Each structure stands twice: as structure tokens, then as C-alpha cells.
Amino acid sequence: MSQRSLQPGRAPGRAPGRPHRVVVIVDQNSNPFELGCAIEVFGLRRPEIGRELYDFALCSAEPRTLMRDGFFTLAGVAGLEATDTADTVIVPNRPDVEVPRRPAVLDAVRRAHARGARLLGFCSGAFTLAEAGVLDGRRATAHWQWADAFQARFPAVRLEPDVLFVDDGDILTAAGSAAALDLGLHVVRRDHGAEIANTVSRRLVFAAHRDGGQRQFVERPVPRIPDASLAPLLAWAQERLDAPLTVPDLAARAAVSPATLHRRFRAQLGTTPLAWLTGERIALACRLIERGETRLEVVARRSGLGTATHLRTLMRRETGLTPSGYRRRFGPDVGEGRAAVHVPHGP
């Protein structure tokens, strides 16, 4: 997992206490799937959480917008001026990446970036960001299918073609379609903490956390045995994170060698057993702090991180915050006015 740093982020003019405003730009031939992902993650009310996480809106350059392949026409949404009050703007993505975006859309993206709004691009949305000129010299990703075309057209962008998503602070990009959910949950987790992100992921019946550095394209050869899935092993380990589990322990439980287990983790999860285990323990530590546990030695013991010193080291490395800093930002005493955060996904 990569080092990250958390920095409070608030778009200029945002009123204290109001929900973070997310606006999605819909353009001609936009993909319905990624639009649905944005609505699911940021647009739906979640009464089980007890407060409104985001103020959400759709906007378009025209009163009626024909979606991808003419599947349907979107109407009744706001105009592009809605982006002028957004804290986060999700730019349009579409399969015809060689077709220039509308000048009005690009202007809206540039205005949002100039005043400090956070920008998100799903799948081919990186083309929109690059065409607007806001990605020069920045890190980004895009669907692997268009990686070569993107690099040829926008050589000034530091494309990372093999990852699920890239968080470069105020500009975040996701790869293929399903990675939009990964990036969306990453944003929720950084804005509101791991506990709320887990609640949202459960509603989506989706994995709560796949690290952005995981590979886009995961090879899954036909198994030689009836079930080589890691799911039973992962569930077993997640129930024993407070125990001194090691990679050899996981391999023994799976009845394979550590080398074989490593290959399976790489093939199925795009990460290593140790990185997965460490990530799960840090996520558990974050949830314990969010639920009100203040004794660092208890958090360290219950999350399997051993000592308070080790807990501090790993939390600072993985979140950019000390345990006390994380508690101030995401603890149970934080009210509705908590600041949103931007998290660069380090190299």
C-alpha cells in the first residue's frame, strides 16, 4: 500500500456545515454505467447513517442529452452552471474517445479546477480531464483498452495504465467501469471514514476496499480444483485479525505453500498476502477509533498491529494521520460539519 497524506479540502465559498456538493456532468454519448455508479455512491439517501453525506446533482450542456448508443435521453437536469458551486465535479466519460469534448464542458471543468474543486474522472473520463488541460504533469489512469491512445495523445500526463485508480490530490481518475465504484468508495472513506464507507459498500454489496494500486486486468485461469477461491481464507482471517497471523499461517490454513498462496493473491486480488493482511488490520484499527476506542494499546491489540508504536507508524504511513489526528477527523464526536479531505495516492 502506498503512503498517503490527508489534507482538509473545501471548495471556495462552501458554507460550513452543509454537505459536500457533488455534481456530475453528463455529455452526449456518456456511459450509463459510470453515471449509475456516481448516483449509487454519492446521490442516494442513506437513512441508516443518520445524516446526509453529499448534496448531489446532474448537469448537462443541453436540455436533452442522448446517452451512449442512443439507449435513452436524459432530460430535466441542471445546466453547466451547477458546476460553479460544486465541491466535487465528476467529468463525463464516453466510448468515442477520439471525438473532442464540447468546449462548454471543457470550460466548466477548467473553471471548477481553477477555484479549487475536486475533479473525478471514471474510465475514459481521463480524456476529458486531459483535453481540458488540467492533467499536464499530473498522475492519472484510464481504461487499459485506451492506454496507448491516451499516452500518444497526451504525453504530458503521467499515465499509470495498470492500476484501478489514482488519487493525485484534487484530481482522481479510475480505470475500467467497475473501478468507478472502487474510486467512489475511496472518496467516501477519505471524506467520512472507514465505518461509513463500509456501510455504503454493504448497501452496494461490493468490496469495501480494493487499493488503487491493484492491477486493472486480473488473470483468472480455469482452476484445476473445484474451488481455489480465496474467499473462505479471507473470511477466516478477517475473524482473527487480533491473532498473530502470519503469511505462513494463511498458507497452512489454505493447505498450500507460501509461494503458491502468493501467486493466488496476485492472480485473484492483485496484491500480496502481507499487504492484504496489513491493510485489513489498519482498516479495523480505523473502525475501532471511529467507534470511540481511545486507548491506543487496545486498538493495536484488537487489530493485530501489536503495539501502540507500530500502530502509529502504520497509520501515519497509510493514512498520513496519527491515531489522534484520525480520531479528531473521524471520531464519534465529529459532527456534520467535518471537513472533506483530499488524499494523494503516493507513488
Protein backbone atom coordinates (compact mmCIF):
# COMPACT_ATOMS: atom_id res chain seq x y z
CA MET A 1 0.00 0.00 0.00
CA SER A 2 1.24 3.47 -0.81
CA GLN A 3 1.85 6.38 1.52
CA ARG A 4 -0.90 8.96 1.60
CA SER A 5 -1.38 12.32 3.27
CA LEU A 6 -4.72 13.79 4.25
CA GLN A 7 -5.39 17.46 3.84
CA PRO A 8 -8.64 19.27 4.60
CA GLY A 9 -10.36 20.32 1.40
CA ARG A 10 -13.19 22.75 0.94
CA ALA A 11 -14.13 24.47 -2.27
CA PRO A 12 -14.04 28.27 -2.05
CA GLY A 13 -17.33 29.68 -0.81
CA ARG A 14 -18.57 26.42 0.69
CA ALA A 15 -20.77 27.16 3.69
CA PRO A 16 -19.58 25.47 6.90
CA GLY A 17 -21.80 22.58 7.92
CA ARG A 18 -23.53 21.95 4.62
CA PRO A 19 -22.98 18.62 2.85
CA HIS A 20 -20.19 18.35 0.33
CA ARG A 21 -21.74 19.10 -3.09
CA VAL A 22 -21.06 16.60 -5.89
CA VAL A 23 -22.09 17.49 -9.45
CA VAL A 24 -21.85 15.08 -12.39
CA ILE A 25 -21.51 16.47 -15.91
CA VAL A 26 -23.40 14.36 -18.45
CA ASP A 27 -22.43 14.83 -22.09
CA GLN A 28 -23.59 13.33 -25.36
CA ASN A 29 -22.84 9.59 -25.61
CA SER A 30 -21.93 9.34 -21.90
CA ASN A 31 -21.80 5.83 -20.41
CA PRO A 32 -24.85 4.96 -18.26
CA PHE A 33 -22.91 2.53 -16.05
CA GLU A 34 -20.49 5.08 -14.61
CA LEU A 35 -23.34 7.56 -14.24
CA GLY A 36 -25.17 4.90 -12.22
CA CYS A 37 -22.07 4.34 -10.08
CA ALA A 38 -21.90 8.05 -9.24
CA ILE A 39 -25.59 8.13 -8.34
CA GLU A 40 -25.33 4.99 -6.19
CA VAL A 41 -22.30 6.19 -4.23
CA PHE A 42 -22.95 9.92 -3.91
CA GLY A 43 -26.60 10.53 -4.79
CA LEU A 44 -28.74 8.14 -2.75
CA ARG A 45 -30.05 9.00 0.69
CA ARG A 46 -28.85 6.62 3.39
CA PRO A 47 -31.15 6.87 6.43
CA GLU A 48 -29.17 4.17 8.25
CA ILE A 49 -26.27 6.62 8.54
CA GLY A 50 -28.41 9.32 10.11
CA ARG A 51 -27.15 12.29 8.14
CA GLU A 52 -26.76 13.45 4.56
CA LEU A 53 -23.29 12.68 3.22
CA TYR A 54 -23.47 14.60 -0.06
CA ASP A 55 -25.57 17.15 -1.89
CA PHE A 56 -25.82 15.62 -5.38
CA ALA A 57 -26.87 16.93 -8.79
CA LEU A 58 -26.63 16.11 -12.51
CA CYS A 59 -25.98 18.74 -15.14
CA SER A 60 -25.57 18.92 -18.90
CA ALA A 61 -24.69 21.41 -21.63
CA GLU A 62 -28.10 20.96 -23.28
CA PRO A 63 -31.69 20.38 -22.10
CA ARG A 64 -31.72 16.89 -23.64
CA THR A 65 -28.66 14.61 -23.78
CA LEU A 66 -28.56 11.39 -25.80
CA MET A 67 -26.73 8.72 -23.83
CA ARG A 68 -24.39 6.04 -25.20
CA ASP A 69 -25.60 4.28 -28.37
CA GLY A 70 -28.94 6.06 -28.06
CA PHE A 71 -30.04 3.86 -25.15
CA PHE A 72 -32.06 6.73 -23.69
CA THR A 73 -32.23 10.52 -23.50
CA LEU A 74 -31.55 12.36 -20.27
CA ALA A 75 -33.61 15.48 -19.60
CA GLY A 76 -34.69 17.65 -16.70
CA VAL A 77 -31.22 18.20 -15.20
CA ALA A 78 -29.41 21.43 -14.38
CA GLY A 79 -27.23 23.39 -16.76
CA LEU A 80 -23.45 23.53 -16.58
CA GLU A 81 -23.64 26.48 -14.21
CA ALA A 82 -24.31 23.88 -11.48
CA THR A 83 -20.58 23.07 -11.51
CA ASP A 84 -19.79 26.60 -10.31
CA THR A 85 -20.98 25.72 -6.78
CA ALA A 86 -19.69 22.14 -6.68
CA ASP A 87 -17.05 20.90 -4.24
CA THR A 88 -16.50 17.83 -6.43
CA VAL A 89 -17.13 17.62 -10.19
CA ILE A 90 -17.34 14.24 -11.93
CA VAL A 91 -16.49 14.75 -15.60
CA PRO A 92 -18.19 12.89 -18.47
CA ASN A 93 -16.80 9.66 -19.87
CA ARG A 94 -17.75 8.16 -23.24
CA PRO A 95 -16.53 5.39 -25.55
CA ASP A 96 -15.75 7.64 -28.54
CA VAL A 97 -12.54 8.95 -27.02
CA GLU A 98 -11.31 10.37 -30.32
CA VAL A 99 -14.24 12.82 -30.56
CA PRO A 100 -13.44 16.22 -28.98
CA ARG A 101 -15.49 17.21 -25.96
CA ARG A 102 -17.79 20.19 -26.12
CA PRO A 103 -15.96 23.48 -25.46
CA ALA A 104 -18.61 24.43 -22.89
CA VAL A 105 -17.93 21.21 -20.95
CA LEU A 106 -14.18 21.76 -21.01
CA ASP A 107 -14.64 25.35 -19.86
CA ALA A 108 -16.76 24.16 -16.93
CA VAL A 109 -14.04 21.69 -15.94
CA ARG A 110 -11.36 24.38 -16.13
CA ARG A 111 -13.42 26.80 -14.01
CA ALA A 112 -14.01 24.17 -11.37
CA HIS A 113 -10.33 23.29 -11.23
CA ALA A 114 -9.26 26.95 -11.08
CA ARG A 115 -11.37 27.63 -7.99
CA GLY A 116 -10.17 24.52 -6.15
CA ALA A 117 -12.93 21.96 -6.69
CA ARG A 118 -12.02 18.27 -6.65
CA LEU A 119 -12.26 16.57 -10.05
CA LEU A 120 -13.10 12.90 -10.69
CA GLY A 121 -12.85 11.02 -13.97
CA PHE A 122 -14.23 7.50 -14.39
CA CYS A 123 -12.90 5.20 -17.15
CA SER A 124 -12.44 7.37 -20.26
CA GLY A 125 -13.14 10.46 -18.16
CA ALA A 126 -9.37 10.93 -18.07
CA PHE A 127 -9.62 12.04 -21.71
CA THR A 128 -11.99 14.84 -20.68
CA LEU A 129 -9.64 16.00 -17.93
CA ALA A 130 -6.61 15.84 -20.21
CA GLU A 131 -8.39 17.67 -23.02
CA ALA A 132 -9.30 20.41 -20.54
CA GLY A 133 -5.58 20.77 -19.82
CA VAL A 134 -5.78 20.07 -16.08
CA LEU A 135 -3.78 16.81 -16.15
CA ASP A 136 -0.48 18.07 -17.58
CA GLY A 137 2.31 16.87 -15.32
CA ARG A 138 -0.17 15.01 -13.12
CA ARG A 139 -0.67 11.31 -12.36
CA ALA A 140 -3.74 9.61 -13.80
CA THR A 141 -5.12 6.32 -15.07
CA ALA A 142 -7.61 5.23 -17.71
CA HIS A 143 -9.10 2.03 -19.05
CA TRP A 144 -6.30 -0.28 -20.25
CA GLN A 145 -8.02 -0.55 -23.65
CA TRP A 146 -7.23 3.11 -24.36
CA ALA A 147 -3.88 3.42 -22.57
CA ASP A 148 -1.76 3.57 -25.74
CA ALA A 149 -4.07 6.07 -27.41
CA PHE A 150 -4.12 8.22 -24.29
CA GLN A 151 -0.33 8.28 -23.93
CA ALA A 152 0.13 9.12 -27.61
CA ARG A 153 -2.37 11.98 -27.44
CA PHE A 154 -1.44 13.38 -24.01
CA PRO A 155 2.30 12.72 -23.44
CA ALA A 156 2.49 15.36 -20.70
CA VAL A 157 0.26 13.27 -18.42
CA ARG A 158 1.94 10.71 -16.15
CA LEU A 159 -0.34 7.80 -17.05
CA GLU A 160 -0.34 4.74 -14.77
CA PRO A 161 -2.04 2.18 -17.02
CA ASP A 162 -2.05 -0.86 -14.72
CA VAL A 163 -3.87 0.38 -11.60
CA LEU A 164 -7.52 0.58 -10.58
CA PHE A 165 -7.46 4.27 -9.67
CA VAL A 166 -5.11 7.13 -8.95
CA ASP A 167 -5.66 9.72 -6.24
CA ASP A 168 -3.49 12.73 -7.09
CA GLY A 169 -4.97 15.09 -4.54
CA ASP A 170 -7.56 17.31 -6.18
CA ILE A 171 -7.77 15.16 -9.33
CA LEU A 172 -8.75 11.48 -9.12
CA THR A 173 -9.15 9.04 -12.00
CA ALA A 174 -10.46 5.47 -12.21
CA ALA A 175 -9.80 2.79 -14.79
CA GLY A 176 -12.36 0.38 -16.27
CA SER A 177 -16.04 0.61 -15.45
CA ALA A 178 -16.18 -1.28 -12.12
CA ALA A 179 -13.21 0.75 -10.83
CA ALA A 180 -15.62 3.70 -10.65
CA LEU A 181 -17.13 2.03 -7.58
CA ASP A 182 -13.66 1.48 -6.11
CA LEU A 183 -12.78 5.14 -6.54
CA GLY A 184 -16.18 6.29 -5.30
CA LEU A 185 -15.84 4.27 -2.09
CA HIS A 186 -12.27 5.51 -1.71
CA VAL A 187 -13.60 9.08 -1.79
CA VAL A 188 -16.33 8.27 0.75
CA ARG A 189 -13.76 6.61 3.01
CA ARG A 190 -11.48 9.64 2.87
CA ASP A 191 -14.32 12.12 3.29
CA HIS A 192 -16.21 10.30 6.06
CA GLY A 193 -14.05 7.46 7.39
CA ALA A 194 -13.88 3.68 7.04
CA GLU A 195 -17.02 2.90 9.04
CA ILE A 196 -19.33 4.94 6.80
CA ALA A 197 -17.58 3.67 3.66
CA ASN A 198 -18.23 0.11 4.87
CA THR A 199 -21.90 0.95 5.38
CA VAL A 200 -22.16 2.28 1.83
CA SER A 201 -20.30 -0.74 0.41
CA ARG A 202 -22.64 -3.14 2.21
CA ARG A 203 -25.61 -1.39 0.61
CA LEU A 204 -23.88 -1.82 -2.74
CA VAL A 205 -22.96 -5.47 -1.96
CA PHE A 206 -19.48 -4.52 -3.08
CA ALA A 207 -15.99 -4.94 -1.62
CA ALA A 208 -15.37 -2.16 0.88
CA HIS A 209 -11.79 -1.56 -0.20
CA ARG A 210 -9.64 -2.52 -3.15
CA ASP A 211 -6.45 -0.49 -3.07
CA GLY A 212 -5.96 1.78 -6.05
CA GLY A 213 -2.58 0.24 -6.80
CA GLN A 214 -4.08 -3.14 -7.63
CA ARG A 215 -3.86 -4.27 -11.24
CA GLN A 216 -6.68 -3.43 -13.66
CA PHE A 217 -6.63 -6.71 -15.52
CA VAL A 218 -6.55 -9.72 -13.20
CA GLU A 219 -5.85 -13.05 -14.87
CA ARG A 220 -8.06 -15.87 -13.65
CA PRO A 221 -7.11 -19.20 -15.26
CA VAL A 222 -9.59 -22.06 -15.05
CA PRO A 223 -8.90 -23.72 -11.67
CA ARG A 224 -7.69 -27.30 -11.56
CA ILE A 225 -9.61 -27.94 -8.36
CA PRO A 226 -13.32 -27.25 -7.73
CA ASP A 227 -12.72 -24.07 -5.65
CA ALA A 228 -9.42 -22.24 -5.48
CA SER A 229 -11.14 -19.03 -4.40
CA LEU A 230 -9.50 -17.09 -1.61
CA ALA A 231 -12.88 -16.03 -0.19
CA PRO A 232 -13.04 -18.69 2.58
CA LEU A 233 -9.47 -17.92 3.65
CA LEU A 234 -10.09 -14.17 3.68
CA ALA A 235 -13.24 -14.58 5.77
CA TRP A 236 -11.36 -16.83 8.20
CA ALA A 237 -8.51 -14.33 8.54
CA GLN A 238 -10.83 -11.33 8.97
CA GLU A 239 -12.35 -13.01 12.04
CA ARG A 240 -8.87 -13.45 13.58
CA LEU A 241 -7.12 -10.15 12.89
CA ASP A 242 -6.31 -9.78 16.58
CA ALA A 243 -4.33 -13.02 16.47
CA PRO A 244 -0.64 -13.10 15.49
CA LEU A 245 -1.42 -14.28 11.96
CA THR A 246 1.46 -14.57 9.51
CA VAL A 247 1.69 -15.42 5.83
CA PRO A 248 2.78 -19.00 6.69
CA ASP A 249 -0.32 -19.26 8.91
CA LEU A 250 -2.51 -18.24 5.97
CA ALA A 251 -0.75 -20.71 3.70
CA ALA A 252 -1.20 -23.51 6.23
CA ARG A 253 -4.90 -22.72 6.55
CA ALA A 254 -5.24 -22.85 2.74
CA ALA A 255 -3.18 -26.07 2.64
CA VAL A 256 -0.73 -24.60 0.12
CA SER A 257 2.84 -23.40 0.22
CA PRO A 258 3.56 -19.70 0.91
CA ALA A 259 4.78 -19.36 -2.69
CA THR A 260 1.52 -20.79 -4.05
CA LEU A 261 -0.50 -18.54 -1.75
CA HIS A 262 1.46 -15.54 -3.00
CA ARG A 263 0.66 -16.44 -6.62
CA ARG A 264 -3.05 -16.85 -5.82
CA PHE A 265 -3.21 -13.47 -4.08
CA ARG A 266 -1.50 -11.85 -7.05
CA ALA A 267 -3.83 -13.55 -9.51
CA GLN A 268 -7.11 -13.02 -7.63
CA LEU A 269 -6.54 -9.79 -5.68
CA GLY A 270 -3.61 -8.13 -7.42
CA THR A 271 -1.71 -7.77 -4.14
CA THR A 272 0.42 -9.82 -1.74
CA PRO A 273 -0.78 -11.73 1.34
CA LEU A 274 1.20 -9.48 3.68
CA ALA A 275 -0.08 -6.27 2.08
CA TRP A 276 -3.67 -7.54 2.28
CA LEU A 277 -3.29 -8.57 5.92
CA THR A 278 -1.74 -5.24 6.88
CA GLY A 279 -4.45 -3.32 5.05
CA GLU A 280 -7.21 -5.26 6.82
CA ARG A 281 -5.63 -4.58 10.20
CA ILE A 282 -5.27 -0.88 9.53
CA ALA A 283 -8.90 -0.71 8.36
CA LEU A 284 -10.00 -2.44 11.57
CA ALA A 285 -7.91 -0.03 13.65
CA CYS A 286 -9.59 2.91 11.89
CA ARG A 287 -13.05 1.48 12.59
CA LEU A 288 -12.22 0.98 16.27
CA ILE A 289 -11.09 4.61 16.56
CA GLU A 290 -14.21 5.81 14.73
CA ARG A 291 -16.36 3.84 17.20
CA GLY A 292 -14.78 5.64 20.14
CA GLU A 293 -11.91 3.48 21.38
CA THR A 294 -9.30 5.92 22.73
CA ARG A 295 -6.75 3.51 24.22
CA LEU A 296 -4.12 3.02 21.54
CA GLU A 297 -2.76 -0.15 23.10
CA VAL A 298 -6.27 -1.65 22.91
CA VAL A 299 -6.68 -0.60 19.28
CA ALA A 300 -3.27 -2.05 18.44
CA ARG A 301 -4.01 -5.34 20.19
CA ARG A 302 -7.52 -5.82 18.78
CA SER A 303 -6.38 -5.02 15.24
CA GLY A 304 -3.36 -7.32 15.42
CA LEU A 305 -0.86 -4.47 15.00
CA GLY A 306 0.85 -5.31 18.27
CA THR A 307 1.99 -2.11 19.90
CA ALA A 308 0.85 1.49 20.01
CA THR A 309 4.14 2.48 18.41
CA HIS A 310 3.59 0.12 15.47
CA LEU A 311 0.01 1.38 15.16
CA ARG A 312 1.20 5.00 14.97
CA THR A 313 3.84 4.14 12.37
CA LEU A 314 1.49 2.23 10.06
CA MET A 315 -1.42 4.66 10.38
CA ARG A 316 0.81 7.59 9.54
CA ARG A 317 2.27 5.68 6.58
CA GLU A 318 -1.07 4.54 5.19
CA THR A 319 -3.38 7.47 6.01
CA GLY A 320 -0.99 10.35 6.63
CA LEU A 321 -2.58 10.84 10.06
CA THR A 322 -1.59 9.81 13.56
CA PRO A 323 -4.25 7.91 15.54
CA SER A 324 -5.11 11.10 17.44
CA GLY A 325 -5.34 13.04 14.19
CA TYR A 326 -7.59 10.35 12.71
CA ARG A 327 -9.81 10.50 15.82
CA ARG A 328 -10.17 14.27 15.54
CA ARG A 329 -11.22 13.94 11.90
CA PHE A 330 -13.39 10.80 12.00
CA GLY A 331 -14.12 10.03 15.67
CA PRO A 332 -17.63 9.70 17.11
CA ASP A 333 -17.64 13.27 18.43
CA VAL A 334 -17.17 14.78 14.95
CA GLY A 335 -20.37 16.49 13.84
CA GLU A 336 -21.92 17.07 10.47
CA GLY A 337 -19.54 19.95 9.80
CA ARG A 338 -16.47 17.76 9.40
CA ALA A 339 -14.24 18.85 6.55
CA ALA A 340 -13.83 16.78 3.45
CA VAL A 341 -10.34 15.50 2.73
CA HIS A 342 -8.23 15.05 -0.36
CA VAL A 343 -5.79 12.16 -0.31
CA PRO A 344 -2.93 11.96 -2.80
CA HIS A 345 -2.25 8.34 -3.73
CA GLY A 346 1.51 8.41 -3.45
CA PRO A 347 3.94 6.80 -5.91
